[in-house]
Amino acid sequence: FNWISEKGGIDSYEMFKTFNCGVGLVLCVEQNNAEKIINYLNDNGETAWLIGEVVENNKKSKVQLK
């Protein structure tokens, strides 16, 4: 990312606008294991946090954002 920015003379704003710099990896785990897994990852040098949950959806929409 930095190499492309430097070699291409592209400012940070344009880099973040162009490249998807989202959350990275997403793990879907059972709710009762979530805190343990988050703590394990954080204790081992990663930055992990809870971002949502999978819920049953009986509506026509396939994705439900809250």
N, C-alpha and C. Protein backbone atom coordinates (compact mmCIF):
# COMPACT_ATOMS: atom_id res chain seq x y z
N PHE A 1 0.82 -1.19 0.00
CA PHE A 1 0.00 0.00 0.00
C PHE A 1 0.87 1.26 0.00
N ASN A 2 1.80 1.31 0.97
CA ASN A 2 2.69 2.48 1.04
C ASN A 2 3.59 2.56 -0.19
N TRP A 3 4.06 1.41 -0.66
CA TRP A 3 4.93 1.38 -1.83
C TRP A 3 4.21 1.94 -3.04
N ILE A 4 2.98 1.51 -3.26
CA ILE A 4 2.19 2.01 -4.39
C ILE A 4 1.99 3.51 -4.27
N SER A 5 1.66 3.97 -3.07
CA SER A 5 1.44 5.39 -2.84
C SER A 5 2.70 6.21 -3.14
N GLU A 6 3.83 5.74 -2.62
CA GLU A 6 5.09 6.47 -2.81
C GLU A 6 5.54 6.44 -4.27
N LYS A 7 5.59 5.27 -4.86
CA LYS A 7 6.07 5.13 -6.24
C LYS A 7 5.14 5.80 -7.24
N GLY A 8 3.85 5.79 -6.94
CA GLY A 8 2.88 6.37 -7.86
C GLY A 8 2.58 7.83 -7.59
N GLY A 9 3.12 8.36 -6.49
CA GLY A 9 2.84 9.75 -6.15
C GLY A 9 1.37 9.98 -5.86
N ILE A 10 0.74 9.01 -5.20
CA ILE A 10 -0.69 9.07 -4.93
C ILE A 10 -0.89 9.42 -3.45
N ASP A 11 -1.69 10.45 -3.18
CA ASP A 11 -1.88 10.86 -1.79
C ASP A 11 -2.76 9.87 -1.04
N SER A 12 -2.70 9.94 0.29
CA SER A 12 -3.41 8.99 1.15
C SER A 12 -4.91 8.99 0.90
N TYR A 13 -5.50 10.16 0.71
CA TYR A 13 -6.94 10.24 0.47
C TYR A 13 -7.33 9.41 -0.75
N GLU A 14 -6.60 9.58 -1.83
CA GLU A 14 -6.90 8.84 -3.06
C GLU A 14 -6.66 7.34 -2.89
N MET A 15 -5.62 6.98 -2.15
CA MET A 15 -5.33 5.56 -1.91
C MET A 15 -6.48 4.89 -1.15
N PHE A 16 -6.93 5.53 -0.07
CA PHE A 16 -8.01 4.94 0.71
C PHE A 16 -9.33 4.93 -0.05
N LYS A 17 -9.53 5.89 -0.93
CA LYS A 17 -10.74 5.94 -1.75
C LYS A 17 -10.72 4.83 -2.81
N THR A 18 -9.54 4.55 -3.35
CA THR A 18 -9.41 3.59 -4.44
C THR A 18 -9.37 2.15 -3.96
N PHE A 19 -8.62 1.90 -2.90
CA PHE A 19 -8.45 0.53 -2.41
C PHE A 19 -9.37 0.29 -1.23
N ASN A 20 -9.99 -0.87 -1.22
CA ASN A 20 -10.88 -1.23 -0.12
C ASN A 20 -10.03 -1.55 1.10
N CYS A 21 -10.05 -0.68 2.07
CA CYS A 21 -9.29 -0.89 3.29
C CYS A 21 -10.25 -1.19 4.43
N GLY A 22 -11.07 -2.17 4.21
CA GLY A 22 -12.09 -2.55 5.19
C GLY A 22 -11.51 -3.28 6.38
N VAL A 23 -12.29 -4.13 6.98
CA VAL A 23 -11.88 -4.79 8.21
C VAL A 23 -10.86 -5.89 7.98
N GLY A 24 -10.69 -6.33 6.77
CA GLY A 24 -9.73 -7.41 6.51
C GLY A 24 -10.41 -8.76 6.58
N LEU A 25 -9.99 -9.59 7.50
CA LEU A 25 -10.52 -10.94 7.65
C LEU A 25 -11.72 -10.94 8.59
N VAL A 26 -12.75 -11.70 8.23
CA VAL A 26 -13.92 -11.85 9.09
C VAL A 26 -14.04 -13.31 9.48
N LEU A 27 -14.18 -13.57 10.77
CA LEU A 27 -14.43 -14.91 11.27
C LEU A 27 -15.86 -14.99 11.76
N CYS A 28 -16.57 -16.02 11.37
CA CYS A 28 -17.92 -16.28 11.88
C CYS A 28 -17.81 -17.46 12.83
N VAL A 29 -18.08 -17.20 14.10
CA VAL A 29 -17.92 -18.24 15.13
C VAL A 29 -19.19 -18.32 15.96
N GLU A 30 -19.33 -19.41 16.69
CA GLU A 30 -20.48 -19.54 17.58
C GLU A 30 -20.40 -18.45 18.64
N GLN A 31 -21.56 -17.90 18.98
CA GLN A 31 -21.63 -16.77 19.90
C GLN A 31 -20.93 -17.07 21.23
N ASN A 32 -21.07 -18.29 21.72
CA ASN A 32 -20.47 -18.61 23.02
C ASN A 32 -18.94 -18.70 22.96
N ASN A 33 -18.34 -18.70 21.76
CA ASN A 33 -16.89 -18.72 21.62
C ASN A 33 -16.30 -17.36 21.24
N ALA A 34 -17.14 -16.40 20.92
CA ALA A 34 -16.68 -15.13 20.35
C ALA A 34 -15.70 -14.40 21.27
N GLU A 35 -16.04 -14.21 22.52
CA GLU A 35 -15.18 -13.45 23.43
C GLU A 35 -13.83 -14.14 23.61
N LYS A 36 -13.84 -15.46 23.75
CA LYS A 36 -12.60 -16.22 23.92
C LYS A 36 -11.70 -16.06 22.69
N ILE A 37 -12.27 -16.13 21.50
CA ILE A 37 -11.50 -16.02 20.27
C ILE A 37 -10.96 -14.60 20.10
N ILE A 38 -11.79 -13.60 20.38
CA ILE A 38 -11.35 -12.20 20.29
C ILE A 38 -10.18 -11.97 21.24
N ASN A 39 -10.30 -12.43 22.48
CA ASN A 39 -9.22 -12.27 23.45
C ASN A 39 -7.95 -12.96 23.00
N TYR A 40 -8.08 -14.18 22.47
CA TYR A 40 -6.92 -14.92 21.99
C TYR A 40 -6.20 -14.15 20.88
N LEU A 41 -6.96 -13.66 19.92
CA LEU A 41 -6.35 -12.93 18.81
C LEU A 41 -5.69 -11.65 19.29
N ASN A 42 -6.37 -10.90 20.15
CA ASN A 42 -5.80 -9.65 20.67
C ASN A 42 -4.54 -9.93 21.49
N ASP A 43 -4.54 -11.01 22.27
CA ASP A 43 -3.37 -11.37 23.08
C ASP A 43 -2.18 -11.81 22.23
N ASN A 44 -2.44 -12.15 20.97
CA ASN A 44 -1.39 -12.65 20.08
C ASN A 44 -1.07 -11.69 18.94
N GLY A 45 -1.27 -10.40 19.19
CA GLY A 45 -0.80 -9.38 18.26
C GLY A 45 -1.77 -8.94 17.18
N GLU A 46 -2.96 -9.48 17.18
CA GLU A 46 -3.96 -9.06 16.20
C GLU A 46 -4.88 -8.02 16.83
N THR A 47 -5.63 -7.32 16.00
CA THR A 47 -6.65 -6.39 16.48
C THR A 47 -7.99 -6.98 16.08
N ALA A 48 -8.71 -7.52 17.05
CA ALA A 48 -9.97 -8.21 16.78
C ALA A 48 -11.09 -7.57 17.58
N TRP A 49 -12.28 -7.56 17.00
CA TRP A 49 -13.45 -7.02 17.69
C TRP A 49 -14.71 -7.63 17.08
N LEU A 50 -15.80 -7.55 17.81
CA LEU A 50 -17.09 -8.06 17.36
C LEU A 50 -17.71 -7.03 16.43
N ILE A 51 -18.13 -7.45 15.23
CA ILE A 51 -18.72 -6.50 14.29
C ILE A 51 -20.18 -6.79 13.97
N GLY A 52 -20.73 -7.89 14.45
CA GLY A 52 -22.12 -8.17 14.15
C GLY A 52 -22.50 -9.57 14.55
N GLU A 53 -23.66 -9.98 14.08
CA GLU A 53 -24.15 -11.32 14.38
C GLU A 53 -24.98 -11.84 13.22
N VAL A 54 -25.07 -13.14 13.11
CA VAL A 54 -25.91 -13.78 12.11
C VAL A 54 -27.24 -14.08 12.77
N VAL A 55 -28.31 -13.61 12.15
CA VAL A 55 -29.65 -13.82 12.72
C VAL A 55 -30.57 -14.41 11.67
N GLU A 56 -31.59 -15.10 12.13
CA GLU A 56 -32.59 -15.64 11.22
C GLU A 56 -33.39 -14.48 10.64
N ASN A 57 -33.68 -14.55 9.36
CA ASN A 57 -34.40 -13.48 8.68
C ASN A 57 -35.52 -14.11 7.86
N ASN A 58 -36.75 -13.87 8.27
CA ASN A 58 -37.91 -14.42 7.55
C ASN A 58 -38.49 -13.43 6.55
N LYS A 59 -37.81 -12.32 6.33
CA LYS A 59 -38.29 -11.32 5.39
C LYS A 59 -37.78 -11.64 3.99
N LYS A 60 -38.27 -10.91 2.99
CA LYS A 60 -37.84 -11.15 1.61
C LYS A 60 -36.39 -10.74 1.38
N SER A 61 -35.91 -9.73 2.10
CA SER A 61 -34.54 -9.29 1.90
C SER A 61 -33.57 -10.36 2.38
N LYS A 62 -32.45 -10.50 1.69
CA LYS A 62 -31.48 -11.52 2.05
C LYS A 62 -30.42 -10.99 3.00
N VAL A 63 -30.20 -9.68 3.01
CA VAL A 63 -29.21 -9.08 3.89
C VAL A 63 -29.91 -8.06 4.76
N GLN A 64 -29.63 -8.10 6.03
CA GLN A 64 -30.25 -7.17 6.97
C GLN A 64 -29.15 -6.39 7.66
N LEU A 65 -29.10 -5.10 7.43
CA LEU A 65 -28.10 -4.24 8.05
C LEU A 65 -28.72 -3.51 9.22
N LYS A 66 -27.97 -3.43 10.30
CA LYS A 66 -28.46 -2.72 11.49
C LYS A 66 -27.49 -1.65 11.87
